[in-house]
Amino acid sequence: MTRGFHRARGKRVTAKLDADEAEILRVLAGQLIELISADAPEEDPDPLAAELGLSGLGMNGRTEAPDDPVLARLFPSAYTGDDEAAGEFRRFTEGGLRDGKRAAADLLITTVPDHGGSVTLTEEQGQQWLRALNDMRLALGTRLGVTEEAHEEIAGMRSDDPRYPGFAAYDWLSFLQDTLVQALY
């Protein structure tokens, strides 16, 4: 099992992952990409908007919060109590947020060694990994109904509990994220 991230030479961070850990990261990041992509609004048909990076700002930009609790957690409303302002903010920002989350998860997938081994990241890649790890934790934690007491619940959970693999994965992602933050800062 990995001991997490640590500072390598220069401004790089590194961790050694076993084959199972690498597979878990690839699978969870892939599922995150699928979730974010499946609910994405249609692309803006305006070629000029697409060329300028303004896709989603036209008629197809989403203004309603997602129904899925995980997506609502990943893309929360910016203004509570003001649906119109929240909708306008969402219309202009959600496309870019989705693209950023997909890019971070994709970077994680491409930098995880295929059969385990060392992963070495630049500071910029480390930031993207943090984003992807956080999004995976939010998604998994929302599905599992994780609360503040999660660590106590996990510590007392038996390995034959059907929820155990999900809570163990959540706990491990938290550990990995924590060690990456410490290594970067």
N, C-alpha and C. Protein backbone atom coordinates (compact mmCIF):
# COMPACT_ATOMS: atom_id res chain seq x y z
N MET A 1 0.84 -1.18 0.00
CA MET A 1 0.00 0.00 0.00
C MET A 1 0.89 1.24 0.00
N THR A 2 0.44 2.24 -0.72
CA THR A 2 1.21 3.46 -0.84
C THR A 2 1.36 4.17 0.51
N ARG A 3 2.48 4.84 0.63
CA ARG A 3 2.69 5.69 1.80
C ARG A 3 2.34 7.13 1.47
N GLY A 4 1.75 7.32 0.30
CA GLY A 4 1.31 8.64 -0.11
C GLY A 4 2.39 9.40 -0.86
N PHE A 5 2.12 10.66 -1.06
CA PHE A 5 3.03 11.53 -1.81
C PHE A 5 4.09 12.12 -0.90
N HIS A 6 5.22 12.39 -1.48
CA HIS A 6 6.27 13.12 -0.79
C HIS A 6 7.01 13.97 -1.82
N ARG A 7 7.75 14.96 -1.33
CA ARG A 7 8.49 15.87 -2.20
C ARG A 7 9.66 15.12 -2.81
N ALA A 8 9.80 15.24 -4.10
CA ALA A 8 10.93 14.65 -4.82
C ALA A 8 11.93 15.76 -5.12
N ARG A 9 12.85 15.48 -6.02
CA ARG A 9 13.82 16.52 -6.40
C ARG A 9 13.13 17.73 -7.00
N GLY A 10 13.63 18.88 -6.64
CA GLY A 10 13.07 20.12 -7.19
C GLY A 10 11.66 20.37 -6.71
N LYS A 11 10.80 20.70 -7.65
CA LYS A 11 9.43 21.03 -7.30
C LYS A 11 8.47 19.89 -7.63
N ARG A 12 8.98 18.71 -7.79
CA ARG A 12 8.14 17.56 -8.13
C ARG A 12 7.73 16.80 -6.88
N VAL A 13 6.60 16.11 -7.00
CA VAL A 13 6.11 15.24 -5.93
C VAL A 13 5.97 13.84 -6.51
N THR A 14 6.12 12.84 -5.65
CA THR A 14 6.08 11.47 -6.14
C THR A 14 5.39 10.56 -5.14
N ALA A 15 4.83 9.49 -5.67
CA ALA A 15 4.22 8.43 -4.85
C ALA A 15 4.40 7.12 -5.60
N LYS A 16 4.44 6.05 -4.85
CA LYS A 16 4.50 4.73 -5.46
C LYS A 16 3.17 4.04 -5.20
N LEU A 17 2.52 3.62 -6.28
CA LEU A 17 1.21 2.98 -6.21
C LEU A 17 1.35 1.52 -6.60
N ASP A 18 0.63 0.64 -5.89
CA ASP A 18 0.62 -0.74 -6.35
C ASP A 18 -0.41 -0.86 -7.48
N ALA A 19 -0.46 -2.01 -8.12
CA ALA A 19 -1.32 -2.20 -9.30
C ALA A 19 -2.79 -1.97 -8.97
N ASP A 20 -3.24 -2.45 -7.81
CA ASP A 20 -4.65 -2.28 -7.43
C ASP A 20 -4.98 -0.81 -7.19
N GLU A 21 -4.09 -0.08 -6.54
CA GLU A 21 -4.32 1.34 -6.29
C GLU A 21 -4.39 2.12 -7.61
N ALA A 22 -3.50 1.80 -8.53
CA ALA A 22 -3.51 2.46 -9.83
C ALA A 22 -4.83 2.19 -10.56
N GLU A 23 -5.30 0.96 -10.49
CA GLU A 23 -6.56 0.60 -11.15
C GLU A 23 -7.74 1.32 -10.50
N ILE A 24 -7.76 1.40 -9.18
CA ILE A 24 -8.85 2.10 -8.48
C ILE A 24 -8.89 3.56 -8.92
N LEU A 25 -7.73 4.21 -8.99
CA LEU A 25 -7.69 5.61 -9.41
C LEU A 25 -8.19 5.77 -10.85
N ARG A 26 -7.74 4.89 -11.74
CA ARG A 26 -8.18 4.99 -13.13
C ARG A 26 -9.70 4.77 -13.25
N VAL A 27 -10.21 3.77 -12.54
CA VAL A 27 -11.65 3.48 -12.61
C VAL A 27 -12.47 4.63 -12.06
N LEU A 28 -12.11 5.13 -10.88
CA LEU A 28 -12.88 6.23 -10.27
C LEU A 28 -12.81 7.50 -11.12
N ALA A 29 -11.65 7.81 -11.65
CA ALA A 29 -11.52 9.00 -12.51
C ALA A 29 -12.33 8.81 -13.79
N GLY A 30 -12.31 7.61 -14.36
CA GLY A 30 -13.10 7.33 -15.55
C GLY A 30 -14.59 7.45 -15.29
N GLN A 31 -15.03 6.96 -14.13
CA GLN A 31 -16.44 7.10 -13.76
C GLN A 31 -16.82 8.55 -13.57
N LEU A 32 -15.93 9.33 -13.00
CA LEU A 32 -16.18 10.76 -12.82
C LEU A 32 -16.35 11.45 -14.17
N ILE A 33 -15.49 11.13 -15.11
CA ILE A 33 -15.59 11.72 -16.46
C ILE A 33 -16.92 11.34 -17.10
N GLU A 34 -17.30 10.07 -16.98
CA GLU A 34 -18.58 9.62 -17.54
C GLU A 34 -19.75 10.37 -16.91
N LEU A 35 -19.74 10.52 -15.61
CA LEU A 35 -20.81 11.21 -14.91
C LEU A 35 -20.93 12.66 -15.35
N ILE A 36 -19.81 13.34 -15.40
CA ILE A 36 -19.80 14.75 -15.79
C ILE A 36 -20.21 14.91 -17.25
N SER A 37 -19.76 14.00 -18.11
CA SER A 37 -20.05 14.11 -19.54
C SER A 37 -21.48 13.72 -19.89
N ALA A 38 -22.04 12.73 -19.19
CA ALA A 38 -23.38 12.25 -19.51
C ALA A 38 -24.44 13.31 -19.27
N ASP A 39 -24.22 14.19 -18.32
CA ASP A 39 -25.20 15.20 -17.95
C ASP A 39 -24.90 16.57 -18.57
N ALA A 40 -23.87 16.63 -19.40
CA ALA A 40 -23.45 17.92 -19.95
C ALA A 40 -24.48 18.44 -20.94
N PRO A 41 -24.69 19.75 -20.94
CA PRO A 41 -25.60 20.33 -21.93
C PRO A 41 -25.02 20.18 -23.33
N GLU A 42 -25.89 20.27 -24.32
CA GLU A 42 -25.42 20.17 -25.71
C GLU A 42 -24.43 21.29 -26.00
N GLU A 43 -23.51 20.98 -26.92
CA GLU A 43 -22.54 22.00 -27.32
C GLU A 43 -23.25 23.16 -27.99
N ASP A 44 -22.69 24.34 -27.83
CA ASP A 44 -23.23 25.53 -28.47
C ASP A 44 -22.99 25.41 -29.97
N PRO A 45 -24.04 25.54 -30.78
CA PRO A 45 -23.85 25.39 -32.23
C PRO A 45 -23.15 26.58 -32.88
N ASP A 46 -22.91 27.63 -32.15
CA ASP A 46 -22.27 28.82 -32.70
C ASP A 46 -20.77 28.58 -32.84
N PRO A 47 -20.25 28.47 -34.08
CA PRO A 47 -18.82 28.18 -34.26
C PRO A 47 -17.91 29.28 -33.72
N LEU A 48 -18.34 30.53 -33.79
CA LEU A 48 -17.54 31.63 -33.26
C LEU A 48 -17.42 31.51 -31.74
N ALA A 49 -18.51 31.19 -31.06
CA ALA A 49 -18.47 31.00 -29.61
C ALA A 49 -17.54 29.86 -29.25
N ALA A 50 -17.59 28.77 -30.02
CA ALA A 50 -16.71 27.63 -29.76
C ALA A 50 -15.25 28.03 -29.99
N GLU A 51 -14.98 28.76 -31.05
CA GLU A 51 -13.61 29.18 -31.37
C GLU A 51 -13.04 30.10 -30.29
N LEU A 52 -13.87 30.93 -29.72
CA LEU A 52 -13.43 31.87 -28.69
C LEU A 52 -13.47 31.27 -27.29
N GLY A 53 -13.85 29.99 -27.19
CA GLY A 53 -13.93 29.34 -25.88
C GLY A 53 -15.14 29.79 -25.09
N LEU A 54 -16.17 30.21 -25.78
CA LEU A 54 -17.38 30.70 -25.12
C LEU A 54 -18.54 29.72 -25.27
N SER A 55 -18.24 28.46 -25.57
CA SER A 55 -19.31 27.47 -25.71
C SER A 55 -20.11 27.39 -24.43
N GLY A 56 -21.39 27.17 -24.59
CA GLY A 56 -22.26 27.07 -23.43
C GLY A 56 -22.82 28.41 -22.99
N LEU A 57 -22.40 29.49 -23.64
CA LEU A 57 -22.88 30.81 -23.24
C LEU A 57 -24.11 31.22 -24.03
N GLY A 58 -24.49 30.41 -24.99
CA GLY A 58 -25.64 30.73 -25.81
C GLY A 58 -26.90 30.10 -25.26
N MET A 59 -27.81 29.76 -26.14
CA MET A 59 -29.12 29.22 -25.76
C MET A 59 -29.01 27.87 -25.05
N ASN A 60 -27.93 27.12 -25.29
CA ASN A 60 -27.81 25.79 -24.71
C ASN A 60 -27.16 25.77 -23.33
N GLY A 61 -26.74 26.93 -22.82
CA GLY A 61 -26.13 26.95 -21.50
C GLY A 61 -27.13 26.56 -20.42
N ARG A 62 -26.75 25.67 -19.51
CA ARG A 62 -27.64 25.20 -18.45
C ARG A 62 -27.86 26.30 -17.42
N THR A 63 -29.10 26.44 -16.99
CA THR A 63 -29.39 27.40 -15.93
C THR A 63 -29.95 26.73 -14.68
N GLU A 64 -30.40 25.50 -14.80
CA GLU A 64 -30.97 24.78 -13.66
C GLU A 64 -29.90 23.91 -13.00
N ALA A 65 -29.98 23.80 -11.68
CA ALA A 65 -29.06 22.92 -10.95
C ALA A 65 -29.35 21.48 -11.34
N PRO A 66 -28.32 20.63 -11.38
CA PRO A 66 -28.53 19.22 -11.72
C PRO A 66 -29.43 18.52 -10.70
N ASP A 67 -30.20 17.55 -11.17
CA ASP A 67 -31.05 16.75 -10.28
C ASP A 67 -30.24 15.72 -9.49
N ASP A 68 -29.20 15.18 -10.11
CA ASP A 68 -28.37 14.16 -9.46
C ASP A 68 -27.65 14.80 -8.27
N PRO A 69 -27.76 14.23 -7.06
CA PRO A 69 -27.10 14.82 -5.89
C PRO A 69 -25.58 14.95 -6.04
N VAL A 70 -24.95 14.02 -6.74
CA VAL A 70 -23.50 14.11 -6.93
C VAL A 70 -23.16 15.31 -7.82
N LEU A 71 -23.88 15.45 -8.92
CA LEU A 71 -23.62 16.58 -9.81
C LEU A 71 -23.98 17.90 -9.13
N ALA A 72 -25.02 17.89 -8.32
CA ALA A 72 -25.37 19.11 -7.57
C ALA A 72 -24.25 19.47 -6.59
N ARG A 73 -23.56 18.47 -6.05
CA ARG A 73 -22.43 18.71 -5.14
C ARG A 73 -21.21 19.21 -5.91
N LEU A 74 -20.99 18.65 -7.10
CA LEU A 74 -19.86 19.06 -7.93
C LEU A 74 -20.07 20.42 -8.59
N PHE A 75 -21.35 20.77 -8.84
CA PHE A 75 -21.69 22.04 -9.49
C PHE A 75 -22.77 22.75 -8.67
N PRO A 76 -22.42 23.22 -7.47
CA PRO A 76 -23.43 23.83 -6.60
C PRO A 76 -23.89 25.19 -7.13
N SER A 77 -25.05 25.60 -6.67
CA SER A 77 -25.56 26.93 -7.03
C SER A 77 -24.71 27.99 -6.36
N ALA A 78 -24.42 29.04 -7.12
CA ALA A 78 -23.57 30.12 -6.61
C ALA A 78 -24.33 31.05 -5.68
N TYR A 79 -25.65 31.15 -5.88
CA TYR A 79 -26.45 32.07 -5.08
C TYR A 79 -27.64 31.31 -4.51
N THR A 80 -27.69 31.19 -3.20
CA THR A 80 -28.85 30.57 -2.58
C THR A 80 -29.92 31.64 -2.39
N GLY A 81 -31.13 31.27 -2.68
CA GLY A 81 -32.23 32.21 -2.50
C GLY A 81 -32.46 33.13 -3.68
N ASP A 82 -31.63 33.05 -4.71
CA ASP A 82 -31.83 33.87 -5.90
C ASP A 82 -31.63 32.98 -7.11
N ASP A 83 -32.70 32.29 -7.50
CA ASP A 83 -32.62 31.33 -8.59
C ASP A 83 -32.21 31.96 -9.92
N GLU A 84 -32.66 33.18 -10.16
CA GLU A 84 -32.33 33.84 -11.42
C GLU A 84 -30.82 34.13 -11.51
N ALA A 85 -30.26 34.70 -10.45
CA ALA A 85 -28.82 35.00 -10.43
C ALA A 85 -28.01 33.70 -10.48
N ALA A 86 -28.46 32.68 -9.75
CA ALA A 86 -27.76 31.39 -9.76
C ALA A 86 -27.79 30.79 -11.16
N GLY A 87 -28.94 30.91 -11.84
CA GLY A 87 -29.06 30.38 -13.21
C GLY A 87 -28.15 31.09 -14.18
N GLU A 88 -28.09 32.41 -14.08
CA GLU A 88 -27.21 33.18 -14.97
C GLU A 88 -25.74 32.83 -14.71
N PHE A 89 -25.37 32.75 -13.45
CA PHE A 89 -24.00 32.39 -13.11
C PHE A 89 -23.67 31.00 -13.66
N ARG A 90 -24.58 30.05 -13.47
CA ARG A 90 -24.38 28.68 -13.95
C ARG A 90 -24.22 28.67 -15.47
N ARG A 91 -25.06 29.43 -16.16
CA ARG A 91 -25.03 29.45 -17.62
C ARG A 91 -23.67 29.88 -18.15
N PHE A 92 -23.02 30.80 -17.44
CA PHE A 92 -21.74 31.32 -17.91
C PHE A 92 -20.52 30.58 -17.36
N THR A 93 -20.70 29.73 -16.36
CA THR A 93 -19.52 29.10 -15.74
C THR A 93 -19.49 27.58 -15.78
N GLU A 94 -20.66 26.93 -15.84
CA GLU A 94 -20.67 25.48 -15.69
C GLU A 94 -19.90 24.75 -16.79
N GLY A 95 -19.98 25.24 -18.02
CA GLY A 95 -19.25 24.59 -19.11
C GLY A 95 -17.75 24.55 -18.84
N GLY A 96 -17.19 25.67 -18.40
CA GLY A 96 -15.77 25.72 -18.08
C GLY A 96 -15.42 24.84 -16.89
N LEU A 97 -16.30 24.81 -15.88
CA LEU A 97 -16.07 23.94 -14.73
C LEU A 97 -16.06 22.47 -15.14
N ARG A 98 -17.01 22.08 -15.97
CA ARG A 98 -17.06 20.70 -16.45
C ARG A 98 -15.78 20.36 -17.22
N ASP A 99 -15.38 21.25 -18.11
CA ASP A 99 -14.17 21.01 -18.89
C ASP A 99 -12.95 20.85 -17.98
N GLY A 100 -12.85 21.70 -16.96
CA GLY A 100 -11.72 21.63 -16.04
C GLY A 100 -11.72 20.34 -15.23
N LYS A 101 -12.89 19.91 -14.79
CA LYS A 101 -12.99 18.66 -14.01
C LYS A 101 -12.65 17.46 -14.88
N ARG A 102 -13.13 17.47 -16.13
CA ARG A 102 -12.79 16.37 -17.05
C ARG A 102 -11.29 16.35 -17.35
N ALA A 103 -10.71 17.50 -17.56
CA ALA A 103 -9.28 17.58 -17.87
C ALA A 103 -8.44 17.10 -16.70
N ALA A 104 -8.81 17.46 -15.48
CA ALA A 104 -8.06 17.02 -14.30
C ALA A 104 -8.15 15.51 -14.14
N ALA A 105 -9.35 14.94 -14.30
CA ALA A 105 -9.52 13.49 -14.19
C ALA A 105 -8.77 12.77 -15.30
N ASP A 106 -8.79 13.34 -16.50
CA ASP A 106 -8.07 12.73 -17.62
C ASP A 106 -6.56 12.76 -17.38
N LEU A 107 -6.04 13.86 -16.84
CA LEU A 107 -4.62 13.93 -16.52
C LEU A 107 -4.25 12.88 -15.49
N LEU A 108 -5.09 12.71 -14.48
CA LEU A 108 -4.84 11.68 -13.48
C LEU A 108 -4.74 10.31 -14.14
N ILE A 109 -5.69 10.01 -15.02
CA ILE A 109 -5.69 8.71 -15.70
C ILE A 109 -4.41 8.52 -16.51
N THR A 110 -4.00 9.55 -17.23
CA THR A 110 -2.83 9.40 -18.10
C THR A 110 -1.50 9.38 -17.34
N THR A 111 -1.49 9.88 -16.11
CA THR A 111 -0.23 9.88 -15.35
C THR A 111 -0.11 8.73 -14.36
N VAL A 112 -1.19 7.98 -14.14
CA VAL A 112 -1.12 6.81 -13.27
C VAL A 112 -0.41 5.69 -14.03
N PRO A 113 0.62 5.09 -13.45
CA PRO A 113 1.30 4.00 -14.14
C PRO A 113 0.34 2.82 -14.38
N ASP A 114 0.40 2.23 -15.58
CA ASP A 114 -0.55 1.19 -15.98
C ASP A 114 -0.65 0.04 -14.99
N HIS A 115 0.46 -0.44 -14.51
CA HIS A 115 0.44 -1.61 -13.62
C HIS A 115 1.03 -1.28 -12.26
N GLY A 116 0.82 -0.05 -11.84
CA GLY A 116 1.40 0.40 -10.58
C GLY A 116 2.82 0.87 -10.80
N GLY A 117 3.40 1.45 -9.78
CA GLY A 117 4.75 1.97 -9.85
C GLY A 117 4.78 3.42 -9.40
N SER A 118 5.87 4.08 -9.70
CA SER A 118 6.04 5.47 -9.26
C SER A 118 5.34 6.44 -10.20
N VAL A 119 4.70 7.41 -9.59
CA VAL A 119 4.13 8.52 -10.33
C VAL A 119 4.82 9.77 -9.81
N THR A 120 5.37 10.56 -10.73
CA THR A 120 6.05 11.79 -10.39
C THR A 120 5.34 12.93 -11.11
N LEU A 121 4.96 13.95 -10.34
CA LEU A 121 4.16 15.04 -10.86
C LEU A 121 4.87 16.37 -10.68
N THR A 122 4.69 17.25 -11.67
CA THR A 122 5.10 18.64 -11.50
C THR A 122 4.11 19.31 -10.54
N GLU A 123 4.41 20.51 -10.12
CA GLU A 123 3.47 21.22 -9.25
C GLU A 123 2.13 21.42 -9.94
N GLU A 124 2.16 21.77 -11.22
CA GLU A 124 0.92 21.98 -11.97
C GLU A 124 0.12 20.68 -12.06
N GLN A 125 0.80 19.58 -12.36
CA GLN A 125 0.11 18.29 -12.40
C GLN A 125 -0.42 17.91 -11.03
N GLY A 126 0.33 18.23 -9.98
CA GLY A 126 -0.12 17.96 -8.63
C GLY A 126 -1.40 18.71 -8.31
N GLN A 127 -1.50 19.95 -8.78
CA GLN A 127 -2.73 20.73 -8.58
C GLN A 127 -3.91 20.08 -9.29
N GLN A 128 -3.67 19.58 -10.49
CA GLN A 128 -4.73 18.89 -11.23
C GLN A 128 -5.14 17.59 -10.53
N TRP A 129 -4.16 16.87 -10.01
CA TRP A 129 -4.46 15.66 -9.24
C TRP A 129 -5.31 16.02 -8.01
N LEU A 130 -4.96 17.11 -7.33
CA LEU A 130 -5.76 17.52 -6.17
C LEU A 130 -7.20 17.78 -6.57
N ARG A 131 -7.39 18.43 -7.68
CA ARG A 131 -8.74 18.72 -8.16
C ARG A 131 -9.49 17.42 -8.44
N ALA A 132 -8.83 16.49 -9.14
CA ALA A 132 -9.47 15.22 -9.48
C ALA A 132 -9.75 14.39 -8.22
N LEU A 133 -8.78 14.32 -7.31
CA LEU A 133 -9.00 13.57 -6.07
C LEU A 133 -10.15 14.16 -5.27
N ASN A 134 -10.21 15.48 -5.19
CA ASN A 134 -11.30 16.12 -4.46
C ASN A 134 -12.64 15.81 -5.12
N ASP A 135 -12.71 15.90 -6.43
CA ASP A 135 -13.97 15.60 -7.13
C ASP A 135 -14.37 14.14 -6.94
N MET A 136 -13.42 13.23 -6.97
CA MET A 136 -13.73 11.81 -6.75
C MET A 136 -14.24 11.59 -5.33
N ARG A 137 -13.61 12.25 -4.36
CA ARG A 137 -14.05 12.15 -2.97
C ARG A 137 -15.45 12.72 -2.79
N LEU A 138 -15.72 13.89 -3.39
CA LEU A 138 -17.05 14.48 -3.30
C LEU A 138 -18.11 13.55 -3.89
N ALA A 139 -17.82 13.00 -5.06
CA ALA A 139 -18.77 12.11 -5.73
C ALA A 139 -19.01 10.86 -4.89
N LEU A 140 -17.94 10.21 -4.48
CA LEU A 140 -18.07 8.98 -3.70
C LEU A 140 -18.71 9.27 -2.34
N GLY A 141 -18.28 10.33 -1.70
CA GLY A 141 -18.84 10.69 -0.40
C GLY A 141 -20.33 11.00 -0.46
N THR A 142 -20.75 11.66 -1.53
CA THR A 142 -22.18 11.96 -1.70
C THR A 142 -22.97 10.68 -1.89
N ARG A 143 -22.47 9.78 -2.74
CA ARG A 143 -23.16 8.51 -2.98
C ARG A 143 -23.25 7.67 -1.71
N LEU A 144 -22.20 7.71 -0.89
CA LEU A 144 -22.16 6.91 0.33
C LEU A 144 -22.89 7.58 1.50
N GLY A 145 -23.19 8.86 1.37
CA GLY A 145 -23.81 9.59 2.47
C GLY A 145 -22.82 9.86 3.59
N VAL A 146 -21.58 10.15 3.23
CA VAL A 146 -20.53 10.40 4.22
C VAL A 146 -20.86 11.65 5.03
N THR A 147 -20.66 11.55 6.33
CA THR A 147 -20.89 12.66 7.25
C THR A 147 -19.59 12.95 7.99
N GLU A 148 -19.64 13.90 8.90
CA GLU A 148 -18.46 14.24 9.71
C GLU A 148 -17.95 13.04 10.50
N GLU A 149 -18.84 12.15 10.83
CA GLU A 149 -18.48 10.98 11.64
C GLU A 149 -17.94 9.83 10.81
N ALA A 150 -17.66 10.05 9.53
CA ALA A 150 -17.26 8.98 8.62
C ALA A 150 -16.03 8.22 9.11
N HIS A 151 -15.03 8.93 9.61
CA HIS A 151 -13.80 8.25 10.04
C HIS A 151 -14.08 7.30 11.20
N GLU A 152 -14.93 7.72 12.11
CA GLU A 152 -15.31 6.83 13.22
C GLU A 152 -16.08 5.63 12.70
N GLU A 153 -16.99 5.87 11.75
CA GLU A 153 -17.78 4.79 11.19
C GLU A 153 -16.90 3.80 10.43
N ILE A 154 -15.95 4.31 9.66
CA ILE A 154 -15.04 3.44 8.91
C ILE A 154 -14.18 2.62 9.87
N ALA A 155 -13.68 3.27 10.91
CA ALA A 155 -12.81 2.58 11.86
C ALA A 155 -13.53 1.42 12.53
N GLY A 156 -14.82 1.55 12.76
CA GLY A 156 -15.56 0.49 13.43
C GLY A 156 -16.26 -0.46 12.48
N MET A 157 -16.13 -0.25 11.18
CA MET A 157 -16.83 -1.06 10.19
C MET A 157 -16.11 -2.38 9.95
N ARG A 158 -16.88 -3.43 9.89
CA ARG A 158 -16.31 -4.75 9.60
C ARG A 158 -16.08 -4.90 8.10
N SER A 159 -15.06 -5.65 7.73
CA SER A 159 -14.73 -5.80 6.31
C SER A 159 -15.80 -6.56 5.53
N ASP A 160 -16.70 -7.27 6.21
CA ASP A 160 -17.76 -7.97 5.50
C ASP A 160 -19.01 -7.09 5.31
N ASP A 161 -18.98 -5.86 5.83
CA ASP A 161 -20.07 -4.91 5.62
C ASP A 161 -20.07 -4.56 4.13
N PRO A 162 -21.22 -4.63 3.45
CA PRO A 162 -21.24 -4.34 2.01
C PRO A 162 -20.82 -2.91 1.67
N ARG A 163 -20.88 -2.00 2.63
CA ARG A 163 -20.45 -0.62 2.39
C ARG A 163 -18.95 -0.44 2.54
N TYR A 164 -18.28 -1.42 3.11
CA TYR A 164 -16.86 -1.29 3.45
C TYR A 164 -15.98 -0.89 2.26
N PRO A 165 -16.08 -1.54 1.10
CA PRO A 165 -15.18 -1.14 -0.01
C PRO A 165 -15.33 0.33 -0.39
N GLY A 166 -16.55 0.84 -0.43
CA GLY A 166 -16.76 2.25 -0.77
C GLY A 166 -16.18 3.19 0.26
N PHE A 167 -16.41 2.88 1.55
CA PHE A 167 -15.88 3.73 2.62
C PHE A 167 -14.35 3.63 2.68
N ALA A 168 -13.80 2.44 2.42
CA ALA A 168 -12.35 2.28 2.42
C ALA A 168 -11.73 3.08 1.27
N ALA A 169 -12.37 3.06 0.10
CA ALA A 169 -11.88 3.84 -1.03
C ALA A 169 -11.94 5.34 -0.72
N TYR A 170 -13.04 5.77 -0.11
CA TYR A 170 -13.17 7.18 0.28
C TYR A 170 -12.07 7.58 1.26
N ASP A 171 -11.83 6.74 2.25
CA ASP A 171 -10.80 7.02 3.25
C ASP A 171 -9.42 7.07 2.60
N TRP A 172 -9.15 6.16 1.68
CA TRP A 172 -7.86 6.12 1.00
C TRP A 172 -7.67 7.36 0.13
N LEU A 173 -8.72 7.77 -0.60
CA LEU A 173 -8.62 8.99 -1.40
C LEU A 173 -8.33 10.20 -0.52
N SER A 174 -8.94 10.23 0.67
CA SER A 174 -8.69 11.33 1.61
C SER A 174 -7.22 11.34 2.04
N PHE A 175 -6.69 10.16 2.33
CA PHE A 175 -5.28 10.04 2.72
C PHE A 175 -4.37 10.50 1.58
N LEU A 176 -4.65 10.04 0.37
CA LEU A 176 -3.83 10.39 -0.79
C LEU A 176 -3.87 11.90 -1.03
N GLN A 177 -5.05 12.49 -0.93
CA GLN A 177 -5.18 13.92 -1.11
C GLN A 177 -4.40 14.68 -0.02
N ASP A 178 -4.51 14.25 1.20
CA ASP A 178 -3.81 14.90 2.30
C ASP A 178 -2.30 14.86 2.10
N THR A 179 -1.76 13.71 1.71
CA THR A 179 -0.30 13.61 1.51
C THR A 179 0.14 14.45 0.32
N LEU A 180 -0.71 14.57 -0.70
CA LEU A 180 -0.36 15.39 -1.85
C LEU A 180 -0.34 16.87 -1.46
N VAL A 181 -1.32 17.31 -0.67
CA VAL A 181 -1.31 18.70 -0.18
C VAL A 181 -0.04 18.97 0.61
N GLN A 182 0.30 18.06 1.53
CA GLN A 182 1.50 18.25 2.34
C GLN A 182 2.77 18.28 1.49
N ALA A 183 2.84 17.45 0.47
CA ALA A 183 4.02 17.42 -0.39
C ALA A 183 4.13 18.68 -1.25
N LEU A 184 3.01 19.21 -1.68
CA LEU A 184 3.04 20.39 -2.52
C LEU A 184 3.31 21.67 -1.75
N TYR A 185 2.87 21.71 -0.48
CA TYR A 185 2.99 22.94 0.29
C TYR A 185 3.90 22.72 1.47
